[in-house]
Protein backbone atom coordinates (compact mmCIF):
# COMPACT_ATOMS: atom_id res chain seq x y z
CA UNK A 1 -2.95 62.92 68.60
CA UNK A 2 -4.27 60.63 65.90
CA UNK A 3 -5.98 57.34 66.76
CA UNK A 4 -6.66 54.73 64.08
CA UNK A 5 -8.68 51.58 64.91
CA UNK A 6 -7.97 48.28 63.20
CA UNK A 7 -10.17 45.21 63.40
CA UNK A 8 -8.82 41.90 64.67
CA UNK A 9 -10.71 38.60 64.73
CA UNK A 10 -14.44 39.15 64.19
CA UNK A 11 -15.06 42.08 66.53
CA UNK A 12 -11.89 43.05 68.44
CA UNK A 13 -10.39 46.50 68.12
CA UNK A 14 -6.68 47.21 68.22
CA UNK A 15 -5.29 50.70 67.75
CA UNK A 16 -2.43 52.76 66.38
CA UNK A 17 -1.93 56.00 68.33
CA UNK A 18 0.26 58.63 66.69
CA UNK A 19 1.86 61.69 68.25
CA UNK A 20 1.89 63.83 65.13
CA UNK A 21 4.46 66.27 66.52
CA UNK A 22 7.20 63.66 66.93
CA UNK A 23 5.85 61.02 64.51
CA UNK A 24 6.21 58.48 67.32
CA UNK A 25 3.45 55.99 67.99
CA UNK A 26 1.97 53.36 70.28
CA UNK A 27 -0.09 50.26 69.56
CA UNK A 28 -2.91 49.09 71.80
CA UNK A 29 -3.78 45.37 72.10
CA UNK A 30 -2.06 44.37 68.82
CA UNK A 31 -3.65 40.91 68.53
CA UNK A 32 -3.11 40.72 64.76
CA UNK A 33 0.56 41.65 64.83
CA UNK A 34 1.26 41.48 61.07
CA UNK A 35 -1.77 43.65 60.28
CA UNK A 36 -0.96 46.40 62.73
CA UNK A 37 2.77 46.19 61.94
CA UNK A 38 1.87 46.91 58.33
CA UNK A 39 -0.22 49.86 59.57
CA UNK A 40 2.84 51.21 61.36
CA UNK A 41 4.84 51.05 58.13
CA UNK A 42 2.00 52.41 55.98
CA UNK A 43 1.68 55.44 58.27
CA UNK A 44 5.43 56.02 58.27
CA UNK A 45 5.70 56.28 62.06
CA UNK A 46 8.21 55.13 64.65
CA UNK A 47 6.49 52.83 67.12
CA UNK A 48 7.94 53.11 70.63
CA UNK A 49 5.22 51.79 72.91
CA UNK A 50 2.85 48.85 73.35
CA UNK A 51 -0.17 49.14 75.62
CA UNK A 52 -2.06 46.05 76.85
CA UNK A 53 -5.44 46.63 78.48
CA UNK A 54 -5.62 43.12 80.00
CA UNK A 55 -4.13 39.67 79.61
CA UNK A 56 -6.90 37.84 77.69
CA UNK A 57 -5.49 36.24 74.57
CA UNK A 58 -7.74 38.13 72.14
CA UNK A 59 -6.03 41.31 73.34
CA UNK A 60 -2.50 40.29 74.34
CA UNK A 61 -2.05 37.24 72.11
CA UNK A 62 -0.18 39.19 69.42
CA UNK A 63 2.24 40.91 71.76
CA UNK A 64 5.14 38.48 71.37
CA UNK A 65 4.93 38.54 67.58
CA UNK A 66 4.63 42.33 67.45
CA UNK A 67 7.64 42.75 69.75
CA UNK A 68 9.64 40.42 67.52
CA UNK A 69 8.82 42.69 64.57
CA UNK A 70 9.55 45.92 66.50
CA UNK A 71 12.32 45.54 69.05
CA UNK A 72 13.13 47.80 71.97
CA UNK A 73 9.57 48.87 72.81
CA UNK A 74 8.25 49.74 76.23
CA UNK A 75 5.41 47.26 76.72
CA UNK A 76 3.04 48.47 79.43
CA UNK A 77 0.48 46.25 81.15
CA UNK A 78 -1.17 45.54 84.47
CA UNK A 79 0.64 42.24 85.03
CA UNK A 80 3.15 39.84 83.55
CA UNK A 81 0.21 37.65 82.46
CA UNK A 82 0.18 39.66 79.25
CA UNK A 83 3.01 38.26 77.09
CA UNK A 84 5.94 40.58 76.51
CA UNK A 85 5.06 43.05 79.25
CA UNK A 86 8.26 44.68 80.46
CA UNK A 87 6.77 47.60 82.39
CA UNK A 88 4.01 46.84 84.91
CA UNK A 89 1.80 49.83 85.69
CA UNK A 90 -0.63 50.57 88.48
CA UNK A 91 -3.27 53.17 89.30
CA UNK A 92 -2.01 56.69 88.73
CA UNK A 93 1.19 55.83 86.86
CA UNK A 94 2.06 58.25 84.06
CA UNK A 95 4.32 58.31 81.01
CA UNK A 96 4.44 59.92 77.55
CA UNK A 97 3.99 58.81 73.96
CA UNK A 98 6.17 60.98 71.75
CA UNK A 99 6.32 64.66 72.63
CA UNK A 100 2.73 65.71 73.31
CA UNK A 101 0.71 62.71 74.49
CA UNK A 102 0.47 62.26 78.25
CA UNK A 103 -0.74 58.86 79.47
CA UNK A 104 -2.31 58.12 82.85
CA UNK A 105 -3.04 54.55 83.97
CA UNK A 106 -6.36 53.70 85.59
CA UNK A 107 -6.56 50.35 87.36
CA UNK A 108 -10.04 48.94 86.73
CA UNK A 109 -10.13 45.37 88.05
CA UNK A 110 -13.19 43.20 87.42
CA UNK A 111 -13.22 41.70 83.93
CA UNK A 112 -9.66 40.73 84.85
CA UNK A 113 -7.69 41.77 87.88
CA UNK A 114 -4.97 43.28 85.69
CA UNK A 115 -7.30 45.50 83.65
CA UNK A 116 -5.75 48.89 82.94
CA UNK A 117 -7.55 51.69 81.14
CA UNK A 118 -5.16 54.16 79.53
CA UNK A 119 -6.24 57.82 79.56
CA UNK A 120 -4.40 59.80 76.88
CA UNK A 121 -4.33 63.57 76.64
CA UNK A 122 -2.77 65.89 74.09
CA UNK A 123 -3.08 69.21 75.86
CA UNK A 124 -1.53 71.08 72.96
CA UNK A 125 -4.32 69.90 70.64
CA UNK A 126 -6.97 69.79 73.42
CA UNK A 127 -7.68 66.10 72.73
CA UNK A 128 -8.52 63.33 75.18
CA UNK A 129 -9.23 59.63 74.80
CA UNK A 130 -9.43 56.53 76.98
CA UNK A 131 -8.68 52.95 75.94
CA UNK A 132 -11.01 50.83 78.03
CA UNK A 133 -10.35 47.27 76.85
CA UNK A 134 -13.15 45.03 78.08
CA UNK A 135 -14.10 47.19 81.08
CA UNK A 136 -16.28 49.80 79.35
CA UNK A 137 -18.00 49.23 76.02
CA UNK A 138 -20.21 51.76 74.28
CA UNK A 139 -23.46 51.39 76.25
CA UNK A 140 -22.09 48.31 78.01
CA UNK A 141 -19.47 46.74 80.24
CA UNK A 142 -17.43 43.56 80.35
CA UNK A 143 -18.30 40.32 82.06
CA UNK A 144 -17.15 39.91 85.66
CA UNK A 145 -14.74 37.05 84.94
CA UNK A 146 -12.26 37.77 87.75
CA UNK A 147 -14.13 40.29 89.84
CA UNK A 148 -17.31 41.40 91.51
CA UNK A 149 -20.24 43.73 90.74
CA UNK A 150 -18.80 46.12 93.31
CA UNK A 151 -15.50 46.25 91.42
CA UNK A 152 -17.24 46.99 88.12
CA UNK A 153 -19.32 49.71 89.77
CA UNK A 154 -16.11 51.22 91.15
CA UNK A 155 -14.36 50.95 87.77
CA UNK A 156 -17.16 52.61 85.80
CA UNK A 157 -17.53 55.32 88.44
CA UNK A 158 -13.78 55.96 88.11
CA UNK A 159 -14.07 56.27 84.32
CA UNK A 160 -17.13 58.48 84.70
CA UNK A 161 -14.97 61.07 86.46
CA UNK A 162 -12.85 61.64 83.35
CA UNK A 163 -13.59 64.82 81.37
CA UNK A 164 -16.91 64.49 79.55
CA UNK A 165 -15.27 65.15 76.17
CA UNK A 166 -12.96 62.13 76.50
CA UNK A 167 -13.40 59.85 73.47
CA UNK A 168 -13.99 56.18 74.29
CA UNK A 169 -11.90 53.56 72.47
CA UNK A 170 -13.07 50.14 73.60
CA UNK A 171 -11.99 46.57 72.99
CA UNK A 172 -14.87 45.17 70.93
CA UNK A 173 -17.54 46.25 68.47
CA UNK A 174 -20.44 45.24 70.74
CA UNK A 175 -22.39 48.47 70.38
CA UNK A 176 -25.49 47.17 68.61
CA UNK A 177 -26.12 44.42 71.17
CA UNK A 178 -25.33 46.71 74.10
CA UNK A 179 -27.74 49.38 72.86
CA UNK A 180 -30.49 46.82 72.29
CA UNK A 181 -30.03 45.56 75.85
CA UNK A 182 -30.01 49.10 77.22
CA UNK A 183 -33.35 49.76 75.57
CA UNK A 184 -34.89 46.82 77.41
CA UNK A 185 -34.03 48.71 80.61
CA UNK A 186 -34.63 52.29 79.41
CA UNK A 187 -37.00 52.00 76.43
CA UNK A 188 -37.61 55.76 76.29
CA UNK A 189 -33.94 56.79 76.35
CA UNK A 190 -33.54 58.90 73.20
CA UNK A 191 -29.73 58.84 73.42
CA UNK A 192 -29.81 55.04 73.38
CA UNK A 193 -32.19 55.01 70.42
CA UNK A 194 -29.81 57.28 68.54
CA UNK A 195 -26.82 55.07 69.38
CA UNK A 196 -28.62 51.94 68.15
CA UNK A 197 -29.47 53.69 64.89
CA UNK A 198 -25.82 54.65 64.41
CA UNK A 199 -24.61 51.14 65.25
CA UNK A 200 -26.96 49.61 62.72
CA UNK A 201 -25.46 51.72 59.92
CA UNK A 202 -21.81 51.93 61.03
CA UNK A 203 -19.60 48.89 61.54
CA UNK A 204 -17.06 50.97 63.49
CA UNK A 205 -18.50 52.94 66.39
CA UNK A 206 -15.39 53.07 68.57
CA UNK A 207 -13.82 56.49 69.12
CA UNK A 208 -16.93 58.34 67.94
CA UNK A 209 -18.53 59.11 71.31
CA UNK A 210 -17.46 60.31 74.72
CA UNK A 211 -17.56 59.63 78.44
CA UNK A 212 -20.30 62.26 78.60
CA UNK A 213 -22.30 60.23 76.09
CA UNK A 214 -21.80 57.07 78.15
CA UNK A 215 -23.34 58.78 81.15
CA UNK A 216 -26.41 59.53 79.03
CA UNK A 217 -26.92 56.06 77.53
CA UNK A 218 -24.96 53.37 79.38
CA UNK A 219 -27.33 51.64 81.81
CA UNK A 220 -24.34 50.23 83.73
CA UNK A 221 -23.34 53.82 84.54
CA UNK A 222 -26.92 54.84 85.34
CA UNK A 223 -27.64 52.51 88.25
CA UNK A 224 -29.72 55.06 90.14
CA UNK A 225 -32.42 55.52 87.54
CA UNK A 226 -35.95 54.42 88.28
CA UNK A 227 -35.84 52.28 85.12
CA UNK A 228 -32.76 50.37 86.33
CA UNK A 229 -34.31 49.82 89.74
CA UNK A 230 -37.55 48.62 88.17
CA UNK A 231 -35.79 46.27 85.75
CA UNK A 232 -33.75 44.65 88.51
CA UNK A 233 -36.04 44.89 91.51
CA UNK A 234 -33.12 46.36 93.45
CA UNK A 235 -32.15 49.80 94.71
CA UNK A 236 -28.61 49.31 96.00
CA UNK A 237 -26.25 50.24 93.13
CA UNK A 238 -24.05 47.16 93.47
CA UNK A 239 -27.08 44.85 93.45
CA UNK A 240 -28.50 46.72 90.46
CA UNK A 241 -25.16 46.23 88.69
CA UNK A 242 -25.19 42.50 89.37
CA UNK A 243 -28.76 42.03 88.17
CA UNK A 244 -28.18 44.09 85.02
CA UNK A 245 -25.12 42.01 84.11
CA UNK A 246 -27.08 38.80 84.81
CA UNK A 247 -29.85 40.02 82.50
CA UNK A 248 -27.34 40.91 79.79
CA UNK A 249 -25.63 37.52 80.12
CA UNK A 250 -28.97 35.81 79.58
CA UNK A 251 -29.69 37.61 76.28
């Protein structure tokens, strides 16, 4: 399994996922359809699948154009709100990309109610990755546009149960700001300090850390720490989540 990120707009990530055994591929959130269509051609692969993490235009806005350039694709998404979706998926649904990549759908409503995180596993190569859209960022999480703090807590807890070595491929390059915020909550967190240093020298952090890393540095997945409780004045995890997001929104 080979995953290549491509930048769209100022900070969005879209992806080309290649099953190297079959040379078949999927695209994830192809907002800049001409750019990622060129990537398909440049890599000499047969694209069969389109994955949409949620319906917001900066993720799904290129779907119609991409599908016009590559006909006959299975376009998976959590609702018909994402243009071009022809296969609606729900929690636990599974399918394959090419010969060796198994996909499992994780319904993670909050940022939007149709948010789907796609967990990909190539067991033959012992590789795992999860495409988290705007639910989980490196050291951060998405805004609660259509949901509640409880839903985000549930979503991040769900993702936290994936294998620790699962690589995280998120929807935006927000890592520097997320790490800086995290350090206002946990100023002595060495993992967070290391992440900020990396983000300050690397303009592409996606796909270079894991779910295990997130549990060491993402304050939104560390709601029970004394630092999080102190920063928010709360002890209930859902209330801590709400206060943390409010603090982040105010930055």
